[in-house]
Amino acid sequence: MKVLGKATLTLGLMIIVSLLLTSCSGGGLVTPELQLEPEEEINKVEEIVSVYLEVPYEKYAGYNWCLPASGAMTFKYFGMNISQSQIASKVITNGSSSVFRFISFARNLGFEVAYQPKTIEEIKVLLEEDIPVIAVQNYSLSLPYSHARVIIGFDDEKEEVITNDPTAGKDYIISYSDFLALNFDSNSDKTKVIVLSPEEVDSKNAELIDDTDNS
């Protein structure tokens, strides 16, 4: 009876120890619980609600020179002093500016150039990357004439686009809704923009073209 009692006691102790070891984790190890911070706090990224780029302003210097003026402002932002008259001599034909002649001119300066429709959100991404864009839209809601203006910033809280408009002035504000309404009817939710990438710019080449245009 004593032997049976000891055996029963030993078996009972073994069962209790086994339960303690296996009650928390599948591996039979007891580990303390860790208080982890929420993932969104660990990887929190501050949302950008506004951008303003310091793009030098120029008022148009000739009739229908909104594109030469917008180009001159954008070139100066990237460190190139190209005058409106130099640009106009290359891009204006029969009194009107040609976007495609402007693209060719900019590429000759060493820029990579894209002309494509973009949403406001896509334009904002470029601005966040410090790249202003030249928007080609209607002049105003009441005057549907083709017009170029430089988009230099935005404010999400106010729902506004900030522009350097060769006609309307520096830091000219347009609401998001009006900005979309200025787009051409064929694609009203997207704005046709000229995007200049400075990565390929050759300053010496730009100076050579400067001298040639001044002659």
N, C-alpha and C. Protein backbone atom coordinates (compact mmCIF):
# COMPACT_ATOMS: atom_id res chain seq x y z
N MET A 1 0.82 -1.21 0.00
CA MET A 1 0.00 0.00 0.00
C MET A 1 0.86 1.26 0.00
N LYS A 2 1.98 1.25 0.79
CA LYS A 2 2.87 2.40 0.83
C LYS A 2 3.50 2.64 -0.54
N VAL A 3 3.89 1.52 -1.19
CA VAL A 3 4.53 1.64 -2.52
C VAL A 3 3.53 2.22 -3.52
N LEU A 4 2.29 1.74 -3.45
CA LEU A 4 1.26 2.24 -4.36
C LEU A 4 0.97 3.71 -4.10
N GLY A 5 0.98 4.10 -2.82
CA GLY A 5 0.74 5.50 -2.49
C GLY A 5 1.81 6.41 -3.03
N LYS A 6 3.10 5.98 -2.89
CA LYS A 6 4.21 6.78 -3.42
C LYS A 6 4.12 6.90 -4.94
N ALA A 7 3.75 5.79 -5.58
CA ALA A 7 3.64 5.79 -7.04
C ALA A 7 2.54 6.74 -7.49
N THR A 8 1.44 6.70 -6.76
CA THR A 8 0.32 7.59 -7.10
C THR A 8 0.71 9.05 -6.92
N LEU A 9 1.43 9.36 -5.82
CA LEU A 9 1.89 10.74 -5.56
C LEU A 9 2.85 11.21 -6.64
N THR A 10 3.79 10.34 -7.02
CA THR A 10 4.78 10.68 -8.06
C THR A 10 4.09 10.96 -9.39
N LEU A 11 3.13 10.10 -9.74
CA LEU A 11 2.40 10.27 -11.00
C LEU A 11 1.61 11.59 -11.00
N GLY A 12 1.03 11.91 -9.84
CA GLY A 12 0.27 13.16 -9.75
C GLY A 12 1.15 14.37 -9.94
N LEU A 13 2.35 14.35 -9.34
CA LEU A 13 3.29 15.47 -9.49
C LEU A 13 3.73 15.63 -10.94
N MET A 14 3.97 14.51 -11.61
CA MET A 14 4.41 14.55 -13.02
C MET A 14 3.32 15.17 -13.90
N ILE A 15 2.07 14.83 -13.62
CA ILE A 15 0.96 15.38 -14.42
C ILE A 15 0.86 16.89 -14.22
N ILE A 16 1.00 17.35 -12.97
CA ILE A 16 0.91 18.79 -12.67
C ILE A 16 2.02 19.57 -13.37
N VAL A 17 3.27 19.04 -13.30
CA VAL A 17 4.42 19.70 -13.96
C VAL A 17 4.19 19.76 -15.46
N SER A 18 3.68 18.66 -16.03
CA SER A 18 3.42 18.61 -17.47
C SER A 18 2.40 19.66 -17.88
N LEU A 19 1.35 19.82 -17.09
CA LEU A 19 0.33 20.82 -17.40
C LEU A 19 0.88 22.24 -17.34
N LEU A 20 1.74 22.50 -16.35
CA LEU A 20 2.34 23.84 -16.22
C LEU A 20 3.21 24.17 -17.41
N LEU A 21 3.95 23.19 -17.91
CA LEU A 21 4.88 23.43 -19.02
C LEU A 21 4.16 23.60 -20.35
N THR A 22 3.01 23.01 -20.52
CA THR A 22 2.36 23.03 -21.83
C THR A 22 1.16 23.95 -21.90
N SER A 23 0.87 24.71 -20.85
CA SER A 23 -0.37 25.50 -20.83
C SER A 23 -0.26 26.82 -21.56
N CYS A 24 0.95 27.34 -21.92
CA CYS A 24 1.09 28.66 -22.51
C CYS A 24 1.43 28.61 -23.99
N SER A 25 2.44 27.84 -24.36
CA SER A 25 2.87 27.86 -25.75
C SER A 25 3.02 26.46 -26.27
N GLY A 26 2.88 26.32 -27.59
CA GLY A 26 2.97 25.01 -28.21
C GLY A 26 4.31 24.37 -28.02
N GLY A 27 5.35 25.17 -27.77
CA GLY A 27 6.69 24.61 -27.61
C GLY A 27 6.97 24.15 -26.20
N GLY A 28 6.00 24.30 -25.29
CA GLY A 28 6.20 23.85 -23.92
C GLY A 28 7.03 24.79 -23.09
N LEU A 29 7.26 26.04 -23.57
CA LEU A 29 8.05 27.02 -22.83
C LEU A 29 7.15 28.15 -22.38
N VAL A 30 7.34 28.59 -21.17
CA VAL A 30 6.55 29.70 -20.64
C VAL A 30 7.32 30.98 -20.88
N THR A 31 6.73 31.92 -21.66
CA THR A 31 7.40 33.18 -21.96
C THR A 31 6.52 34.34 -21.53
N PRO A 32 7.12 35.44 -21.08
CA PRO A 32 6.31 36.59 -20.67
C PRO A 32 5.66 37.25 -21.87
N GLU A 33 4.48 37.84 -21.70
CA GLU A 33 3.80 38.54 -22.77
C GLU A 33 4.45 39.91 -22.98
N LEU A 34 4.64 40.30 -24.28
CA LEU A 34 5.26 41.58 -24.61
C LEU A 34 4.19 42.57 -25.03
N GLN A 35 4.29 43.79 -24.53
CA GLN A 35 3.37 44.85 -24.92
C GLN A 35 3.94 45.56 -26.15
N LEU A 36 3.44 45.25 -27.35
CA LEU A 36 3.94 45.84 -28.59
C LEU A 36 3.13 47.08 -28.94
N GLU A 37 3.82 48.09 -29.47
CA GLU A 37 3.12 49.28 -29.94
C GLU A 37 2.38 48.94 -31.23
N PRO A 38 1.25 49.62 -31.49
CA PRO A 38 0.53 49.37 -32.75
C PRO A 38 1.42 49.63 -33.95
N GLU A 39 1.25 48.84 -34.99
CA GLU A 39 2.10 48.95 -36.18
C GLU A 39 2.04 50.33 -36.81
N GLU A 40 0.84 50.94 -36.76
CA GLU A 40 0.73 52.25 -37.38
C GLU A 40 1.54 53.31 -36.64
N GLU A 41 1.80 53.09 -35.34
CA GLU A 41 2.63 54.03 -34.60
C GLU A 41 4.10 53.81 -34.92
N ILE A 42 4.48 52.54 -35.12
CA ILE A 42 5.88 52.22 -35.42
C ILE A 42 6.26 52.77 -36.79
N ASN A 43 5.36 52.60 -37.77
CA ASN A 43 5.66 52.98 -39.14
C ASN A 43 4.94 54.26 -39.56
N LYS A 44 4.67 55.11 -38.60
CA LYS A 44 3.88 56.31 -38.88
C LYS A 44 4.64 57.24 -39.81
N VAL A 45 3.98 57.68 -40.91
CA VAL A 45 4.56 58.61 -41.86
C VAL A 45 3.67 59.85 -41.89
N GLU A 46 4.28 60.99 -41.71
CA GLU A 46 3.51 62.23 -41.69
C GLU A 46 2.95 62.54 -43.07
N GLU A 47 1.67 62.75 -43.16
CA GLU A 47 1.02 63.03 -44.44
C GLU A 47 1.32 64.46 -44.86
N ILE A 48 1.67 64.64 -46.15
CA ILE A 48 1.95 65.96 -46.68
C ILE A 48 0.64 66.60 -47.11
N VAL A 49 0.31 67.74 -46.51
CA VAL A 49 -0.96 68.40 -46.81
C VAL A 49 -0.78 69.64 -47.68
N SER A 50 0.46 70.13 -47.81
CA SER A 50 0.69 71.30 -48.66
C SER A 50 2.14 71.33 -49.13
N VAL A 51 2.33 71.91 -50.30
CA VAL A 51 3.66 72.09 -50.88
C VAL A 51 3.69 73.46 -51.55
N TYR A 52 4.83 74.15 -51.40
CA TYR A 52 5.02 75.42 -52.11
C TYR A 52 6.45 75.45 -52.64
N LEU A 53 6.60 75.56 -53.95
CA LEU A 53 7.92 75.62 -54.57
C LEU A 53 8.25 77.07 -54.93
N GLU A 54 9.47 77.47 -54.63
CA GLU A 54 9.91 78.84 -54.91
C GLU A 54 10.31 78.97 -56.38
N VAL A 55 9.33 79.13 -57.23
CA VAL A 55 9.57 79.28 -58.66
C VAL A 55 9.58 80.77 -59.00
N PRO A 56 10.67 81.27 -59.59
CA PRO A 56 10.74 82.70 -59.93
C PRO A 56 9.59 83.09 -60.87
N TYR A 57 9.00 84.24 -60.60
CA TYR A 57 7.84 84.65 -61.40
C TYR A 57 8.25 85.57 -62.55
N GLU A 58 7.58 85.39 -63.69
CA GLU A 58 7.73 86.29 -64.83
C GLU A 58 6.36 86.53 -65.46
N LYS A 59 6.05 87.79 -65.69
CA LYS A 59 4.84 88.13 -66.42
C LYS A 59 5.12 87.98 -67.91
N TYR A 60 4.09 87.63 -68.67
CA TYR A 60 4.30 87.43 -70.12
C TYR A 60 4.84 88.72 -70.74
N ALA A 61 5.78 88.58 -71.67
CA ALA A 61 6.46 89.74 -72.24
C ALA A 61 6.04 90.01 -73.68
N GLY A 62 5.07 89.29 -74.18
CA GLY A 62 4.62 89.50 -75.55
C GLY A 62 3.27 88.86 -75.78
N TYR A 63 2.67 89.16 -76.90
CA TYR A 63 1.34 88.65 -77.22
C TYR A 63 1.36 87.13 -77.36
N ASN A 64 0.47 86.45 -76.64
CA ASN A 64 0.40 84.98 -76.65
C ASN A 64 1.69 84.32 -76.18
N TRP A 65 2.36 84.97 -75.24
CA TRP A 65 3.62 84.42 -74.74
C TRP A 65 3.44 83.69 -73.40
N CYS A 66 2.27 83.17 -73.14
CA CYS A 66 2.08 82.47 -71.86
C CYS A 66 2.97 81.24 -71.75
N LEU A 67 3.17 80.51 -72.86
CA LEU A 67 4.04 79.33 -72.81
C LEU A 67 5.51 79.72 -72.69
N PRO A 68 6.01 80.70 -73.49
CA PRO A 68 7.39 81.14 -73.26
C PRO A 68 7.63 81.65 -71.84
N ALA A 69 6.66 82.37 -71.27
CA ALA A 69 6.82 82.87 -69.90
C ALA A 69 6.82 81.71 -68.90
N SER A 70 5.92 80.76 -69.08
CA SER A 70 5.89 79.59 -68.19
C SER A 70 7.17 78.78 -68.31
N GLY A 71 7.66 78.65 -69.54
CA GLY A 71 8.92 77.93 -69.74
C GLY A 71 10.09 78.64 -69.08
N ALA A 72 10.14 79.97 -69.23
CA ALA A 72 11.24 80.74 -68.62
C ALA A 72 11.24 80.59 -67.10
N MET A 73 10.05 80.62 -66.49
CA MET A 73 9.96 80.44 -65.04
C MET A 73 10.46 79.07 -64.62
N THR A 74 10.05 78.06 -65.36
CA THR A 74 10.43 76.68 -65.01
C THR A 74 11.92 76.46 -65.22
N PHE A 75 12.47 76.97 -66.32
CA PHE A 75 13.91 76.84 -66.56
C PHE A 75 14.71 77.52 -65.44
N LYS A 76 14.26 78.71 -65.02
CA LYS A 76 14.97 79.42 -63.95
C LYS A 76 14.92 78.64 -62.64
N TYR A 77 13.81 77.99 -62.38
CA TYR A 77 13.71 77.16 -61.18
C TYR A 77 14.78 76.08 -61.18
N PHE A 78 15.08 75.56 -62.36
CA PHE A 78 16.10 74.52 -62.47
C PHE A 78 17.50 75.09 -62.73
N GLY A 79 17.64 76.41 -62.60
CA GLY A 79 18.97 77.03 -62.66
C GLY A 79 19.40 77.50 -64.03
N MET A 80 18.48 77.60 -64.99
CA MET A 80 18.83 78.05 -66.34
C MET A 80 18.18 79.40 -66.63
N ASN A 81 18.99 80.37 -67.00
CA ASN A 81 18.47 81.71 -67.29
C ASN A 81 18.19 81.82 -68.78
N ILE A 82 17.04 81.33 -69.20
CA ILE A 82 16.62 81.37 -70.60
C ILE A 82 15.49 82.40 -70.71
N SER A 83 15.66 83.38 -71.58
CA SER A 83 14.68 84.46 -71.66
C SER A 83 13.43 84.04 -72.43
N GLN A 84 12.35 84.79 -72.19
CA GLN A 84 11.11 84.53 -72.91
C GLN A 84 11.30 84.72 -74.42
N SER A 85 12.06 85.72 -74.80
CA SER A 85 12.26 85.99 -76.23
C SER A 85 13.01 84.84 -76.90
N GLN A 86 13.96 84.26 -76.19
CA GLN A 86 14.68 83.11 -76.75
C GLN A 86 13.73 81.94 -76.97
N ILE A 87 12.86 81.71 -75.99
CA ILE A 87 11.90 80.61 -76.12
C ILE A 87 10.90 80.92 -77.22
N ALA A 88 10.39 82.16 -77.23
CA ALA A 88 9.38 82.54 -78.22
C ALA A 88 9.89 82.39 -79.65
N SER A 89 11.17 82.69 -79.85
CA SER A 89 11.73 82.59 -81.20
C SER A 89 11.72 81.16 -81.72
N LYS A 90 11.63 80.20 -80.82
CA LYS A 90 11.65 78.79 -81.20
C LYS A 90 10.26 78.15 -81.21
N VAL A 91 9.34 78.69 -80.41
CA VAL A 91 8.07 77.96 -80.22
C VAL A 91 6.85 78.66 -80.81
N ILE A 92 6.95 79.95 -81.16
CA ILE A 92 5.79 80.67 -81.67
C ILE A 92 5.79 80.68 -83.19
N THR A 93 4.69 80.24 -83.76
CA THR A 93 4.49 80.30 -85.21
C THR A 93 3.10 80.87 -85.48
N ASN A 94 3.04 81.81 -86.40
CA ASN A 94 1.77 82.45 -86.77
C ASN A 94 1.02 83.00 -85.55
N GLY A 95 1.78 83.54 -84.60
CA GLY A 95 1.18 84.18 -83.44
C GLY A 95 0.74 83.26 -82.33
N SER A 96 0.96 81.95 -82.48
CA SER A 96 0.54 80.99 -81.45
C SER A 96 1.72 80.13 -81.01
N SER A 97 1.71 79.77 -79.72
CA SER A 97 2.77 78.90 -79.19
C SER A 97 2.47 77.44 -79.50
N SER A 98 3.51 76.72 -79.86
CA SER A 98 3.38 75.29 -80.13
C SER A 98 3.98 74.50 -78.97
N VAL A 99 3.16 73.66 -78.33
CA VAL A 99 3.65 72.82 -77.24
C VAL A 99 4.75 71.90 -77.74
N PHE A 100 4.58 71.38 -78.93
CA PHE A 100 5.55 70.40 -79.44
C PHE A 100 6.88 71.06 -79.81
N ARG A 101 6.83 72.30 -80.29
CA ARG A 101 8.07 73.04 -80.51
C ARG A 101 8.76 73.33 -79.18
N PHE A 102 7.97 73.64 -78.15
CA PHE A 102 8.55 73.87 -76.82
C PHE A 102 9.22 72.61 -76.30
N ILE A 103 8.57 71.47 -76.48
CA ILE A 103 9.15 70.20 -76.03
C ILE A 103 10.49 69.96 -76.73
N SER A 104 10.53 70.22 -78.03
CA SER A 104 11.78 70.04 -78.79
C SER A 104 12.86 70.98 -78.27
N PHE A 105 12.47 72.24 -77.98
CA PHE A 105 13.42 73.22 -77.45
C PHE A 105 13.99 72.76 -76.11
N ALA A 106 13.12 72.31 -75.22
CA ALA A 106 13.56 71.86 -73.89
C ALA A 106 14.46 70.64 -74.00
N ARG A 107 14.15 69.74 -74.90
CA ARG A 107 15.00 68.56 -75.08
C ARG A 107 16.38 68.94 -75.61
N ASN A 108 16.43 69.96 -76.46
CA ASN A 108 17.73 70.44 -76.95
C ASN A 108 18.57 71.04 -75.83
N LEU A 109 17.90 71.50 -74.78
CA LEU A 109 18.63 72.01 -73.61
C LEU A 109 19.13 70.88 -72.72
N GLY A 110 18.67 69.67 -72.97
CA GLY A 110 19.11 68.52 -72.18
C GLY A 110 18.07 67.97 -71.23
N PHE A 111 16.86 68.55 -71.24
CA PHE A 111 15.80 68.05 -70.35
C PHE A 111 15.15 66.80 -70.93
N GLU A 112 14.70 65.95 -70.02
CA GLU A 112 13.74 64.93 -70.41
C GLU A 112 12.36 65.56 -70.26
N VAL A 113 11.51 65.40 -71.26
CA VAL A 113 10.23 66.10 -71.27
C VAL A 113 9.09 65.11 -71.52
N ALA A 114 8.00 65.27 -70.77
CA ALA A 114 6.80 64.48 -70.99
C ALA A 114 5.61 65.42 -71.09
N TYR A 115 4.72 65.14 -72.02
CA TYR A 115 3.48 65.91 -72.16
C TYR A 115 2.33 64.92 -72.09
N GLN A 116 1.62 64.94 -70.97
CA GLN A 116 0.60 63.93 -70.75
C GLN A 116 -0.47 64.43 -69.79
N PRO A 117 -1.66 63.83 -69.85
CA PRO A 117 -2.72 64.21 -68.90
C PRO A 117 -2.48 63.60 -67.53
N LYS A 118 -2.70 64.39 -66.48
CA LYS A 118 -2.50 63.91 -65.11
C LYS A 118 -3.62 64.41 -64.20
N THR A 119 -3.96 63.59 -63.22
CA THR A 119 -4.93 64.00 -62.22
C THR A 119 -4.27 64.95 -61.22
N ILE A 120 -5.09 65.60 -60.41
CA ILE A 120 -4.53 66.47 -59.37
C ILE A 120 -3.62 65.67 -58.44
N GLU A 121 -4.01 64.45 -58.10
CA GLU A 121 -3.20 63.63 -57.21
C GLU A 121 -1.84 63.34 -57.83
N GLU A 122 -1.80 63.08 -59.13
CA GLU A 122 -0.53 62.80 -59.81
C GLU A 122 0.33 64.06 -59.88
N ILE A 123 -0.29 65.21 -60.07
CA ILE A 123 0.45 66.48 -60.07
C ILE A 123 1.03 66.74 -58.69
N LYS A 124 0.27 66.45 -57.65
CA LYS A 124 0.74 66.65 -56.28
C LYS A 124 1.97 65.80 -55.98
N VAL A 125 2.02 64.59 -56.51
CA VAL A 125 3.19 63.73 -56.31
C VAL A 125 4.43 64.38 -56.91
N LEU A 126 4.31 64.96 -58.10
CA LEU A 126 5.44 65.64 -58.73
C LEU A 126 5.87 66.84 -57.90
N LEU A 127 4.92 67.61 -57.41
CA LEU A 127 5.25 68.77 -56.57
C LEU A 127 5.96 68.34 -55.30
N GLU A 128 5.54 67.23 -54.72
CA GLU A 128 6.20 66.70 -53.52
C GLU A 128 7.64 66.30 -53.82
N GLU A 129 7.93 66.01 -55.09
CA GLU A 129 9.29 65.66 -55.52
C GLU A 129 10.05 66.88 -56.01
N ASP A 130 9.52 68.09 -55.71
CA ASP A 130 10.15 69.37 -56.07
C ASP A 130 10.18 69.61 -57.57
N ILE A 131 9.17 69.14 -58.27
CA ILE A 131 9.08 69.33 -59.72
C ILE A 131 7.82 70.13 -60.04
N PRO A 132 7.97 71.41 -60.43
CA PRO A 132 6.80 72.16 -60.89
C PRO A 132 6.39 71.66 -62.28
N VAL A 133 5.14 71.87 -62.64
CA VAL A 133 4.69 71.44 -63.96
C VAL A 133 4.00 72.60 -64.67
N ILE A 134 4.04 72.57 -65.99
CA ILE A 134 3.35 73.58 -66.80
C ILE A 134 2.01 72.99 -67.23
N ALA A 135 0.93 73.59 -66.77
CA ALA A 135 -0.41 73.11 -67.13
C ALA A 135 -0.89 73.84 -68.38
N VAL A 136 -1.46 73.09 -69.30
CA VAL A 136 -2.05 73.67 -70.51
C VAL A 136 -3.56 73.47 -70.40
N GLN A 137 -4.27 74.58 -70.15
CA GLN A 137 -5.71 74.53 -69.87
C GLN A 137 -6.41 75.69 -70.57
N ASN A 138 -7.69 75.85 -70.28
CA ASN A 138 -8.40 77.05 -70.69
C ASN A 138 -7.92 78.23 -69.84
N TYR A 139 -7.99 79.43 -70.42
CA TYR A 139 -7.53 80.62 -69.71
C TYR A 139 -8.36 80.88 -68.46
N SER A 140 -9.67 80.81 -68.60
CA SER A 140 -10.57 81.01 -67.46
C SER A 140 -11.87 80.28 -67.74
N LEU A 141 -12.76 80.26 -66.75
CA LEU A 141 -14.04 79.57 -66.92
C LEU A 141 -14.91 80.28 -67.95
N SER A 142 -14.75 81.60 -68.09
CA SER A 142 -15.56 82.37 -69.03
C SER A 142 -14.87 82.57 -70.38
N LEU A 143 -13.53 82.38 -70.41
CA LEU A 143 -12.77 82.56 -71.66
C LEU A 143 -12.02 81.26 -71.97
N PRO A 144 -12.63 80.39 -72.76
CA PRO A 144 -12.03 79.07 -73.04
C PRO A 144 -10.95 79.10 -74.12
N TYR A 145 -9.90 79.90 -73.86
CA TYR A 145 -8.78 79.96 -74.78
C TYR A 145 -7.60 79.21 -74.17
N SER A 146 -6.85 78.51 -75.00
CA SER A 146 -5.72 77.73 -74.51
C SER A 146 -4.71 78.63 -73.80
N HIS A 147 -4.26 78.18 -72.63
CA HIS A 147 -3.39 79.00 -71.79
C HIS A 147 -2.43 78.10 -71.02
N ALA A 148 -1.22 78.61 -70.79
CA ALA A 148 -0.22 77.87 -70.01
C ALA A 148 0.05 78.60 -68.71
N ARG A 149 0.16 77.84 -67.63
CA ARG A 149 0.48 78.39 -66.30
C ARG A 149 1.34 77.37 -65.56
N VAL A 150 2.17 77.83 -64.64
CA VAL A 150 3.05 76.93 -63.88
C VAL A 150 2.39 76.57 -62.56
N ILE A 151 2.28 75.28 -62.29
CA ILE A 151 1.74 74.81 -61.02
C ILE A 151 2.91 74.69 -60.05
N ILE A 152 2.87 75.48 -58.96
CA ILE A 152 4.01 75.54 -58.04
C ILE A 152 3.68 75.00 -56.65
N GLY A 153 2.42 74.64 -56.40
CA GLY A 153 2.10 74.13 -55.07
C GLY A 153 0.64 73.75 -54.93
N PHE A 154 0.30 73.29 -53.74
CA PHE A 154 -1.08 72.93 -53.43
C PHE A 154 -1.30 73.01 -51.93
N ASP A 155 -2.56 73.09 -51.54
CA ASP A 155 -2.95 73.07 -50.13
C ASP A 155 -4.19 72.19 -50.00
N ASP A 156 -4.02 71.00 -49.43
CA ASP A 156 -5.12 70.06 -49.32
C ASP A 156 -6.20 70.54 -48.36
N GLU A 157 -5.79 71.22 -47.30
CA GLU A 157 -6.77 71.68 -46.31
C GLU A 157 -7.71 72.72 -46.92
N LYS A 158 -7.16 73.60 -47.74
CA LYS A 158 -7.98 74.61 -48.41
C LYS A 158 -8.50 74.14 -49.77
N GLU A 159 -8.00 72.98 -50.22
CA GLU A 159 -8.36 72.43 -51.53
C GLU A 159 -8.07 73.44 -52.64
N GLU A 160 -6.79 73.87 -52.68
CA GLU A 160 -6.37 74.88 -53.64
C GLU A 160 -5.08 74.48 -54.36
N VAL A 161 -5.00 74.89 -55.61
CA VAL A 161 -3.77 74.77 -56.39
C VAL A 161 -3.13 76.15 -56.43
N ILE A 162 -1.81 76.19 -56.28
CA ILE A 162 -1.07 77.46 -56.32
C ILE A 162 -0.32 77.53 -57.64
N THR A 163 -0.49 78.64 -58.35
CA THR A 163 0.13 78.77 -59.67
C THR A 163 0.93 80.06 -59.79
N ASN A 164 1.89 80.04 -60.70
CA ASN A 164 2.50 81.26 -61.22
C ASN A 164 1.89 81.44 -62.61
N ASP A 165 0.92 82.33 -62.71
CA ASP A 165 0.21 82.54 -63.97
C ASP A 165 0.81 83.74 -64.69
N PRO A 166 1.30 83.58 -65.92
CA PRO A 166 1.94 84.68 -66.63
C PRO A 166 1.03 85.90 -66.80
N THR A 167 -0.28 85.68 -66.75
CA THR A 167 -1.24 86.78 -66.90
C THR A 167 -1.82 87.21 -65.55
N ALA A 168 -2.31 86.26 -64.77
CA ALA A 168 -3.02 86.57 -63.53
C ALA A 168 -2.10 86.96 -62.39
N GLY A 169 -0.84 86.50 -62.41
CA GLY A 169 0.11 86.92 -61.39
C GLY A 169 0.75 85.78 -60.61
N LYS A 170 1.65 86.18 -59.69
CA LYS A 170 2.38 85.23 -58.86
C LYS A 170 1.48 84.68 -57.75
N ASP A 171 1.69 83.41 -57.41
CA ASP A 171 0.93 82.74 -56.34
C ASP A 171 -0.58 82.85 -56.57
N TYR A 172 -0.99 82.73 -57.81
CA TYR A 172 -2.41 82.83 -58.14
C TYR A 172 -3.11 81.54 -57.71
N ILE A 173 -4.15 81.68 -56.89
CA ILE A 173 -4.83 80.54 -56.28
C ILE A 173 -6.03 80.11 -57.12
N ILE A 174 -6.16 78.80 -57.32
CA ILE A 174 -7.31 78.23 -58.02
C ILE A 174 -7.84 77.07 -57.18
N SER A 175 -9.13 77.05 -56.91
CA SER A 175 -9.70 75.94 -56.15
C SER A 175 -9.61 74.65 -56.96
N TYR A 176 -9.60 73.53 -56.25
CA TYR A 176 -9.53 72.24 -56.94
C TYR A 176 -10.67 72.11 -57.96
N SER A 177 -11.87 72.51 -57.58
CA SER A 177 -13.02 72.36 -58.47
C SER A 177 -12.88 73.23 -59.72
N ASP A 178 -12.44 74.48 -59.54
CA ASP A 178 -12.24 75.36 -60.70
C ASP A 178 -11.07 74.88 -61.55
N PHE A 179 -10.04 74.36 -60.91
CA PHE A 179 -8.88 73.85 -61.65
C PHE A 179 -9.31 72.74 -62.60
N LEU A 180 -10.13 71.82 -62.12
CA LEU A 180 -10.63 70.74 -62.97
C LEU A 180 -11.54 71.27 -64.06
N ALA A 181 -12.32 72.30 -63.73
CA ALA A 181 -13.24 72.88 -64.71
C ALA A 181 -12.50 73.58 -65.85
N LEU A 182 -11.24 73.95 -65.61
CA LEU A 182 -10.44 74.61 -66.65
C LEU A 182 -9.86 73.62 -67.66
N ASN A 183 -9.92 72.34 -67.34
CA ASN A 183 -9.38 71.34 -68.25
C ASN A 183 -10.22 71.25 -69.52
N PHE A 184 -9.59 70.78 -70.59
CA PHE A 184 -10.31 70.63 -71.84
C PHE A 184 -11.37 69.54 -71.70
N ASP A 185 -12.50 69.73 -72.38
CA ASP A 185 -13.66 68.86 -72.21
C ASP A 185 -13.39 67.39 -72.51
N SER A 186 -12.41 67.11 -73.36
CA SER A 186 -12.16 65.72 -73.77
C SER A 186 -11.74 64.84 -72.60
N ASN A 187 -11.16 65.45 -71.56
CA ASN A 187 -10.72 64.67 -70.39
C ASN A 187 -10.72 65.58 -69.17
N SER A 188 -11.91 65.89 -68.68
CA SER A 188 -12.05 66.95 -67.68
C SER A 188 -11.45 66.61 -66.32
N ASP A 189 -11.24 65.33 -66.02
CA ASP A 189 -10.67 64.97 -64.72
C ASP A 189 -9.15 64.96 -64.73
N LYS A 190 -8.55 65.17 -65.92
CA LYS A 190 -7.09 65.20 -66.02
C LYS A 190 -6.64 66.48 -66.72
N THR A 191 -5.50 66.97 -66.26
CA THR A 191 -4.92 68.20 -66.81
C THR A 191 -3.74 67.86 -67.70
N LYS A 192 -3.71 68.46 -68.89
CA LYS A 192 -2.54 68.27 -69.75
C LYS A 192 -1.38 69.08 -69.18
N VAL A 193 -0.29 68.40 -68.88
CA VAL A 193 0.85 69.08 -68.27
C VAL A 193 2.14 68.73 -68.99
N ILE A 194 3.04 69.71 -69.00
CA ILE A 194 4.40 69.50 -69.49
C ILE A 194 5.28 69.31 -68.27
N VAL A 195 5.97 68.18 -68.21
CA VAL A 195 6.83 67.86 -67.07
C VAL A 195 8.27 67.84 -67.54
N LEU A 196 9.08 68.71 -66.95
CA LEU A 196 10.50 68.77 -67.27
C LEU A 196 11.29 68.05 -66.19
N SER A 197 12.10 67.10 -66.60
CA SER A 197 12.98 66.41 -65.66
C SER A 197 14.39 66.95 -65.82
N PRO A 198 14.98 67.47 -64.74
CA PRO A 198 16.30 68.10 -64.85
C PRO A 198 17.47 67.14 -64.87
N GLU A 199 17.22 65.85 -64.78
CA GLU A 199 18.31 64.88 -64.60
C GLU A 199 19.32 64.89 -65.73
N GLU A 200 18.85 65.19 -66.95
CA GLU A 200 19.73 65.10 -68.11
C GLU A 200 20.28 66.46 -68.55
N VAL A 201 20.02 67.51 -67.76
CA VAL A 201 20.37 68.86 -68.18
C VAL A 201 21.87 69.04 -68.33
N ASP A 202 22.26 69.68 -69.43
CA ASP A 202 23.66 70.00 -69.71
C ASP A 202 23.80 71.52 -69.73
N SER A 203 24.37 72.09 -68.67
CA SER A 203 24.45 73.55 -68.56
C SER A 203 25.27 74.17 -69.69
N LYS A 204 26.35 73.52 -70.10
CA LYS A 204 27.18 74.06 -71.18
C LYS A 204 26.38 74.14 -72.47
N ASN A 205 25.60 73.10 -72.73
CA ASN A 205 24.76 73.09 -73.93
C ASN A 205 23.75 74.22 -73.87
N ALA A 206 23.20 74.48 -72.69
CA ALA A 206 22.22 75.55 -72.52
C ALA A 206 22.85 76.90 -72.80
N GLU A 207 24.09 77.12 -72.34
CA GLU A 207 24.77 78.39 -72.58
C GLU A 207 25.05 78.57 -74.07
N LEU A 208 25.38 77.49 -74.76
CA LEU A 208 25.65 77.57 -76.19
C LEU A 208 24.39 77.98 -76.95
N ILE A 209 23.25 77.40 -76.58
CA ILE A 209 21.99 77.75 -77.21
C ILE A 209 21.61 79.19 -76.88
N ASP A 210 21.93 79.61 -75.63
CA ASP A 210 21.69 81.00 -75.23
C ASP A 210 22.39 81.96 -76.19
N ASP A 211 23.68 81.72 -76.43
CA ASP A 211 24.47 82.60 -77.28
C ASP A 211 23.92 82.61 -78.70
N THR A 212 23.52 81.44 -79.20
CA THR A 212 23.00 81.35 -80.56
C THR A 212 21.71 82.14 -80.70
N ASP A 213 20.83 82.04 -79.68
CA ASP A 213 19.55 82.74 -79.75
C ASP A 213 19.71 84.25 -79.65
N ASN A 214 20.78 84.70 -79.02
CA ASN A 214 20.98 86.14 -78.87
C ASN A 214 21.52 86.78 -80.14
N SER A 215 21.99 85.98 -81.06
CA SER A 215 22.62 86.54 -82.26
C SER A 215 21.59 87.05 -83.26
